[in-house]
């Protein structure tokens, strides 16, 4: 977004200002016009020429004073060192996986699974059951780089597959700032199966238990000793058996445990979807699918929780079908502590 703003300014396009959201308030001068909400510091761009055609672009990258300077520059003339000024006091991170977060403020893990083998020494811990169709996460040769995980079809206690970050000590402390989890996943089929993708305060275990089970309108622990966790779930035992579910647990209390929290859409076989969860310092969470905000949960997890990435699959209870899930990448980011004490 920053490059687009700078290009607009450099060639004389300028930008508009408004104290508050421009939606239903400001009529764009032209399609593609930029506008700065000076009250909230948010950038907008018009997709048309009516006052309902504004689209929010995200967090600002330059201050109003800096952009005013650029707006006064001669079109096409370089502005030397004033071209980009970042505020080091603001915690910021890129929305696109694979780009480095503000290094002084945040840490990140991004695994595109392009190596010959899964890094089970420094990054990941994986387990699978003894069922013949239950397979641990392993790298697979593919243009995008990926790992495949498989859940069994026996309906028993040994047909799961789980993966988490290798050490809980490498987790993100919620109270320090925004915690981000993102993965891109694809199911080979979507019947008789149960999967979770998200964050947990518990490591994957050799018993290959999952985070949650969604069955007939209820959400229950999947067998781990959890205190705090948050994830996307897909469970064909659910009342909405073809939809994504939103699961979270704060200090041992599962949200909507007696009532499913289902999305309006679900996965499609052999089709990648990008799942993203952002948890702020207050424990409030936002769920995104393919870049679109689809759900928000207040106090989803405790602010004292230390969270790590967790992915797990199992057979469903009512029907059991072997299922392979491809994970294209995993992205994880959190705020750095101010002390090493």
Protein backbone atom coordinates (compact mmCIF):
# COMPACT_ATOMS: atom_id res chain seq x y z
CA UNK A 1 0.00 0.00 0.00
CA UNK A 2 2.87 2.40 0.82
CA UNK A 3 4.32 2.15 -2.69
CA UNK A 4 0.95 3.01 -4.20
CA UNK A 5 0.57 6.07 -1.95
CA UNK A 6 4.09 7.28 -2.79
CA UNK A 7 3.48 6.81 -6.52
CA UNK A 8 0.27 8.81 -6.29
CA UNK A 9 2.05 11.65 -4.51
CA UNK A 10 5.15 11.62 -6.71
CA UNK A 11 3.16 12.14 -9.89
CA UNK A 12 0.91 14.88 -8.57
CA UNK A 13 -2.13 12.83 -7.64
CA UNK A 14 -2.15 14.04 -4.05
CA UNK A 15 -4.54 12.76 -1.42
CA UNK A 16 -7.67 13.96 0.35
CA UNK A 17 -8.21 14.29 4.09
CA UNK A 18 -11.25 13.76 6.29
CA UNK A 19 -11.75 13.72 10.05
CA UNK A 20 -13.25 10.23 10.28
CA UNK A 21 -14.37 7.55 7.84
CA UNK A 22 -15.15 8.86 4.35
CA UNK A 23 -17.85 6.25 3.72
CA UNK A 24 -21.18 7.99 3.02
CA UNK A 25 -19.43 11.28 3.89
CA UNK A 26 -16.92 12.16 1.16
CA UNK A 27 -17.50 11.88 -2.60
CA UNK A 28 -14.28 10.86 -4.41
CA UNK A 29 -12.90 13.24 -7.03
CA UNK A 30 -11.94 10.29 -9.17
CA UNK A 31 -11.65 6.51 -9.15
CA UNK A 32 -8.51 5.40 -7.31
CA UNK A 33 -8.25 8.50 -5.10
CA UNK A 34 -6.42 8.14 -1.77
CA UNK A 35 -7.81 9.64 1.44
CA UNK A 36 -6.34 9.91 4.94
CA UNK A 37 -8.68 9.67 7.93
CA UNK A 38 -6.89 12.21 10.15
CA UNK A 39 -8.81 11.13 13.26
CA UNK A 40 -7.96 7.42 13.16
CA UNK A 41 -4.83 7.53 10.97
CA UNK A 42 -6.35 5.13 8.43
CA UNK A 43 -5.86 5.17 4.67
CA UNK A 44 -8.72 4.70 2.21
CA UNK A 45 -8.92 4.38 -1.57
CA UNK A 46 -11.93 4.79 -3.83
CA UNK A 47 -13.00 2.05 -6.20
CA UNK A 48 -15.55 4.34 -7.85
CA UNK A 49 -16.91 7.87 -7.70
CA UNK A 50 -19.69 7.61 -5.12
CA UNK A 51 -19.37 8.18 -1.37
CA UNK A 52 -19.90 4.44 -0.70
CA UNK A 53 -16.99 3.38 -2.90
CA UNK A 54 -14.24 3.80 -0.27
CA UNK A 55 -12.10 0.79 0.73
CA UNK A 56 -9.93 0.81 3.88
CA UNK A 57 -6.31 0.03 3.08
CA UNK A 58 -4.96 -0.74 6.56
CA UNK A 59 -2.53 0.82 8.99
CA UNK A 60 -0.73 4.04 8.02
CA UNK A 61 2.96 3.92 7.17
CA UNK A 62 3.72 7.65 7.17
CA UNK A 63 2.62 10.44 9.48
CA UNK A 64 0.39 13.26 8.28
CA UNK A 65 3.29 15.72 8.53
CA UNK A 66 5.48 13.48 6.38
CA UNK A 67 2.78 12.97 3.76
CA UNK A 68 2.04 16.70 3.68
CA UNK A 69 5.73 17.24 2.87
CA UNK A 70 5.57 14.71 0.06
CA UNK A 71 2.33 16.18 -1.27
CA UNK A 72 4.10 19.53 -1.68
CA UNK A 73 7.00 18.05 -3.62
CA UNK A 74 7.33 18.80 -7.33
CA UNK A 75 5.79 16.03 -9.43
CA UNK A 76 8.43 13.55 -10.58
CA UNK A 77 11.16 15.13 -8.41
CA UNK A 78 13.02 12.83 -5.98
CA UNK A 79 12.57 13.73 -2.31
CA UNK A 80 15.80 12.10 -1.12
CA UNK A 81 15.85 10.72 2.40
CA UNK A 82 12.32 11.90 3.18
CA UNK A 83 10.76 9.27 0.89
CA UNK A 84 10.08 6.78 3.68
CA UNK A 85 9.99 7.53 7.41
CA UNK A 86 9.00 4.71 9.77
CA UNK A 87 7.94 5.34 13.36
CA UNK A 88 10.05 2.98 15.49
CA UNK A 89 7.71 3.44 18.46
CA UNK A 90 4.81 1.79 16.62
CA UNK A 91 4.46 -1.99 16.56
CA UNK A 92 3.82 -3.02 12.97
CA UNK A 93 3.97 -6.16 10.88
CA UNK A 94 3.52 -7.10 7.26
CA UNK A 95 0.23 -8.66 6.21
CA UNK A 96 1.98 -10.90 3.70
CA UNK A 97 3.73 -14.05 4.93
CA UNK A 98 7.40 -14.28 4.13
CA UNK A 99 8.07 -10.60 4.82
CA UNK A 100 9.95 -9.64 7.97
CA UNK A 101 8.08 -7.97 10.80
CA UNK A 102 9.56 -4.86 12.44
CA UNK A 103 12.71 -6.64 13.63
CA UNK A 104 13.35 -4.52 16.69
CA UNK A 105 9.86 -5.11 18.07
CA UNK A 106 8.81 -8.56 16.86
CA UNK A 107 10.02 -12.09 16.11
CA UNK A 108 8.71 -14.38 13.40
CA UNK A 109 8.83 -17.95 12.15
CA UNK A 110 8.06 -18.56 8.48
CA UNK A 111 8.44 -22.08 7.11
CA UNK A 112 7.68 -22.57 3.42
CA UNK A 113 8.66 -26.28 3.67
CA UNK A 114 11.02 -26.06 0.71
CA UNK A 115 13.81 -27.98 2.46
CA UNK A 116 14.39 -31.66 1.75
CA UNK A 117 13.00 -32.63 5.14
CA UNK A 118 10.87 -31.10 7.88
CA UNK A 119 12.99 -29.30 10.47
CA UNK A 120 12.24 -31.49 13.49
CA UNK A 121 15.43 -30.34 15.25
CA UNK A 122 14.82 -26.62 15.69
CA UNK A 123 11.26 -25.81 14.62
CA UNK A 124 8.65 -28.58 14.71
CA UNK A 125 7.52 -31.59 16.71
CA UNK A 126 5.30 -34.14 14.95
CA UNK A 127 3.46 -37.33 15.94
CA UNK A 128 1.02 -39.74 14.31
CA UNK A 129 -0.90 -42.80 15.44
CA UNK A 130 -0.34 -46.42 14.47
CA UNK A 131 -3.31 -46.55 12.09
CA UNK A 132 -1.97 -47.20 8.60
CA UNK A 133 -3.51 -44.03 7.17
CA UNK A 134 -2.30 -41.76 9.99
CA UNK A 135 0.90 -40.11 8.75
CA UNK A 136 3.17 -37.55 10.38
CA UNK A 137 3.89 -34.28 8.64
CA UNK A 138 6.57 -34.77 5.97
CA UNK A 139 7.81 -32.51 3.22
CA UNK A 140 6.54 -33.26 -0.27
CA UNK A 141 8.15 -32.14 -3.51
CA UNK A 142 5.87 -29.48 -4.95
CA UNK A 143 6.39 -26.10 -6.64
CA UNK A 144 4.97 -24.28 -3.60
CA UNK A 145 6.80 -26.39 -1.02
CA UNK A 146 4.55 -28.15 1.48
CA UNK A 147 4.12 -30.83 4.12
CA UNK A 148 1.41 -33.49 3.99
CA UNK A 149 -0.29 -34.84 7.12
CA UNK A 150 -2.74 -37.73 7.23
CA UNK A 151 -5.51 -38.78 9.60
CA UNK A 152 -6.70 -42.38 9.69
CA UNK A 153 -10.08 -43.88 9.02
CA UNK A 154 -10.40 -46.46 11.80
CA UNK A 155 -12.31 -44.28 14.25
CA UNK A 156 -9.90 -45.32 16.99
CA UNK A 157 -7.59 -43.54 19.41
CA UNK A 158 -4.53 -44.03 17.22
CA UNK A 159 -5.46 -42.47 13.89
CA UNK A 160 -4.44 -38.84 14.50
CA UNK A 161 -1.61 -36.65 13.22
CA UNK A 162 -0.36 -33.53 15.03
CA UNK A 163 2.32 -30.88 14.60
CA UNK A 164 3.35 -27.95 16.79
CA UNK A 165 6.29 -25.65 17.36
CA UNK A 166 8.97 -27.69 19.09
CA UNK A 167 9.26 -25.65 22.31
CA UNK A 168 6.62 -23.79 24.29
CA UNK A 169 9.38 -21.40 25.37
CA UNK A 170 9.46 -20.20 21.74
CA UNK A 171 5.86 -19.05 22.04
CA UNK A 172 4.29 -15.61 21.93
CA UNK A 173 3.16 -14.03 25.21
CA UNK A 174 -0.22 -12.49 24.42
CA UNK A 175 0.10 -9.48 26.73
CA UNK A 176 3.18 -8.19 24.89
CA UNK A 177 1.34 -7.35 21.66
CA UNK A 178 -0.18 -8.87 18.54
CA UNK A 179 0.27 -12.61 18.01
CA UNK A 180 -0.18 -13.85 14.44
CA UNK A 181 -0.71 -17.36 13.07
CA UNK A 182 -1.26 -18.10 9.40
CA UNK A 183 -1.23 -21.24 7.27
CA UNK A 184 -2.33 -22.21 3.78
CA UNK A 185 -4.06 -25.59 3.67
CA UNK A 186 -5.85 -27.97 1.32
CA UNK A 187 -7.85 -31.17 2.05
CA UNK A 188 -7.78 -34.10 -0.35
CA UNK A 189 -11.37 -34.88 0.69
CA UNK A 190 -13.86 -33.43 3.21
CA UNK A 191 -15.87 -36.34 4.67
CA UNK A 192 -15.44 -38.23 7.96
CA UNK A 193 -12.65 -36.07 9.35
CA UNK A 194 -11.77 -33.54 12.06
CA UNK A 195 -8.98 -30.93 11.90
CA UNK A 196 -7.74 -27.85 13.79
CA UNK A 197 -5.37 -25.05 12.69
CA UNK A 198 -4.29 -22.40 15.17
CA UNK A 199 -2.51 -21.59 18.41
CA UNK A 200 -2.19 -23.54 21.66
CA UNK A 201 -0.49 -23.28 25.05
CA UNK A 202 0.27 -27.02 24.85
CA UNK A 203 2.79 -28.90 22.73
CA UNK A 204 1.79 -31.70 20.37
CA UNK A 205 1.96 -35.04 22.18
CA UNK A 206 2.70 -38.63 21.20
CA UNK A 207 -0.93 -39.54 21.94
CA UNK A 208 -1.73 -37.43 18.80
CA UNK A 209 -4.70 -35.71 20.43
CA UNK A 210 -6.18 -32.69 18.68
CA UNK A 211 -7.16 -29.29 20.10
CA UNK A 212 -10.96 -29.62 19.82
CA UNK A 213 -13.83 -31.78 18.62
CA UNK A 214 -17.02 -30.22 17.27
CA UNK A 215 -19.91 -32.66 17.50
CA UNK A 216 -23.66 -32.14 17.25
CA UNK A 217 -23.66 -28.53 18.39
CA UNK A 218 -20.98 -28.76 21.07
CA UNK A 219 -17.27 -27.91 21.21
CA UNK A 220 -15.08 -30.03 23.49
CA UNK A 221 -11.39 -30.57 24.17
CA UNK A 222 -9.83 -33.00 21.75
CA UNK A 223 -7.91 -34.80 24.49
CA UNK A 224 -5.07 -32.37 25.28
CA UNK A 225 -4.73 -30.66 28.65
CA UNK A 226 -5.43 -27.16 27.38
CA UNK A 227 -5.80 -23.90 29.24
CA UNK A 228 -5.70 -21.43 26.34
CA UNK A 229 -6.03 -22.05 22.61
CA UNK A 230 -7.63 -20.61 19.50
CA UNK A 231 -8.13 -22.18 16.09
CA UNK A 232 -10.08 -22.77 12.93
CA UNK A 233 -11.71 -26.20 13.10
CA UNK A 234 -13.33 -28.38 10.47
CA UNK A 235 -15.30 -31.34 11.83
CA UNK A 236 -17.79 -33.38 9.84
CA UNK A 237 -19.53 -34.41 13.09
CA UNK A 238 -20.67 -30.82 13.59
CA UNK A 239 -24.24 -29.68 13.07
CA UNK A 240 -22.78 -27.60 10.23
CA UNK A 241 -20.57 -30.41 8.87
CA UNK A 242 -19.30 -28.57 5.77
CA UNK A 243 -18.36 -25.27 7.43
CA UNK A 244 -15.32 -23.84 9.19
CA UNK A 245 -15.76 -23.50 12.95
CA UNK A 246 -14.20 -20.91 15.28
CA UNK A 247 -12.88 -22.35 18.56
CA UNK A 248 -11.21 -20.61 21.49
CA UNK A 249 -10.48 -21.26 25.15
CA UNK A 250 -9.65 -18.72 27.86
CA UNK A 251 -8.21 -20.03 31.14
CA UNK A 252 -9.92 -23.40 30.70
CA UNK A 253 -13.30 -22.10 29.55
CA UNK A 254 -14.24 -23.03 25.98
CA UNK A 255 -16.21 -20.36 24.15
CA UNK A 256 -19.56 -21.49 22.76
CA UNK A 257 -18.98 -24.99 24.16
CA UNK A 258 -22.70 -25.69 24.06
CA UNK A 259 -23.28 -24.03 20.70
CA UNK A 260 -21.14 -24.27 17.59
CA UNK A 261 -19.61 -21.09 16.21
CA UNK A 262 -19.75 -21.85 12.50
CA UNK A 263 -18.69 -19.77 9.51
CA UNK A 264 -20.92 -19.49 6.45
CA UNK A 265 -18.38 -21.28 4.27
CA UNK A 266 -16.10 -24.29 4.43
CA UNK A 267 -13.18 -25.91 2.64
CA UNK A 268 -13.32 -27.32 -0.87
CA UNK A 269 -11.40 -30.50 -1.66
CA UNK A 270 -8.07 -29.99 -3.43
CA UNK A 271 -8.28 -26.22 -3.04
CA UNK A 272 -5.91 -24.12 -0.93
CA UNK A 273 -7.30 -21.64 1.59
CA UNK A 274 -5.29 -19.23 3.73
CA UNK A 275 -6.30 -19.23 7.41
CA UNK A 276 -5.07 -16.39 9.61
CA UNK A 277 -5.62 -15.61 13.30
CA UNK A 278 -4.54 -12.37 14.98
CA UNK A 279 -4.69 -12.04 18.77
CA UNK A 280 -4.09 -8.62 20.31
CA UNK A 281 -2.60 -7.79 23.71
CA UNK A 282 -6.06 -7.90 25.32
CA UNK A 283 -6.65 -11.47 24.13
CA UNK A 284 -9.19 -10.36 21.52
CA UNK A 285 -8.97 -12.35 18.28
CA UNK A 286 -9.75 -11.88 14.60
CA UNK A 287 -10.13 -14.70 12.08
CA UNK A 288 -9.34 -14.24 8.37
CA UNK A 289 -9.88 -16.54 5.39
CA UNK A 290 -8.00 -15.64 2.21
CA UNK A 291 -7.41 -12.14 3.59
CA UNK A 292 -11.05 -11.43 4.49
CA UNK A 293 -12.09 -10.86 8.12
CA UNK A 294 -14.72 -13.51 8.89
CA UNK A 295 -15.05 -13.48 12.68
CA UNK A 296 -14.00 -11.64 15.85
CA UNK A 297 -13.90 -12.92 19.43
CA UNK A 298 -13.37 -10.78 22.53
CA UNK A 299 -11.19 -12.17 25.34
CA UNK A 300 -10.66 -15.31 23.28
CA UNK A 301 -7.56 -16.26 25.29
CA UNK A 302 -5.99 -15.07 28.55
CA UNK A 303 -3.47 -12.24 28.26
CA UNK A 304 -1.04 -14.35 30.31
CA UNK A 305 -1.06 -17.23 27.83
CA UNK A 306 2.02 -18.29 25.88
CA UNK A 307 0.90 -19.57 22.48
CA UNK A 308 2.55 -21.63 19.73
CA UNK A 309 1.34 -22.88 16.32
CA UNK A 310 -0.57 -26.18 16.43
CA UNK A 311 -2.09 -28.24 13.59
CA UNK A 312 -3.88 -31.51 14.19
CA UNK A 313 -6.14 -33.99 12.44
CA UNK A 314 -8.17 -37.04 13.43
CA UNK A 315 -11.00 -39.16 12.12
CA UNK A 316 -14.51 -38.03 12.93
CA UNK A 317 -16.67 -39.91 15.44
CA UNK A 318 -19.74 -40.60 13.31
CA UNK A 319 -17.91 -41.49 10.09
CA UNK A 320 -14.26 -42.24 9.45
CA UNK A 321 -12.48 -41.46 6.19
CA UNK A 322 -8.69 -41.29 5.75
CA UNK A 323 -7.82 -37.68 4.99
CA UNK A 324 -4.61 -36.01 3.80
CA UNK A 325 -4.07 -32.32 4.39
CA UNK A 326 -1.40 -30.31 2.59
CA UNK A 327 0.12 -27.39 4.50
CA UNK A 328 1.80 -25.00 2.08
CA UNK A 329 3.40 -22.85 4.78
CA UNK A 330 3.14 -21.77 8.42
CA UNK A 331 3.71 -18.19 9.55
CA UNK A 332 3.97 -17.24 13.22
CA UNK A 333 4.84 -13.89 14.79
CA UNK A 334 4.82 -12.27 18.21
CA UNK A 335 6.16 -9.30 20.16
CA UNK A 336 9.61 -9.33 21.70
CA UNK A 337 9.83 -9.00 25.50
CA UNK A 338 11.58 -5.93 26.85
CA UNK A 339 13.79 -8.01 29.15
CA UNK A 340 15.51 -11.41 29.11
CA UNK A 341 14.95 -11.87 32.85
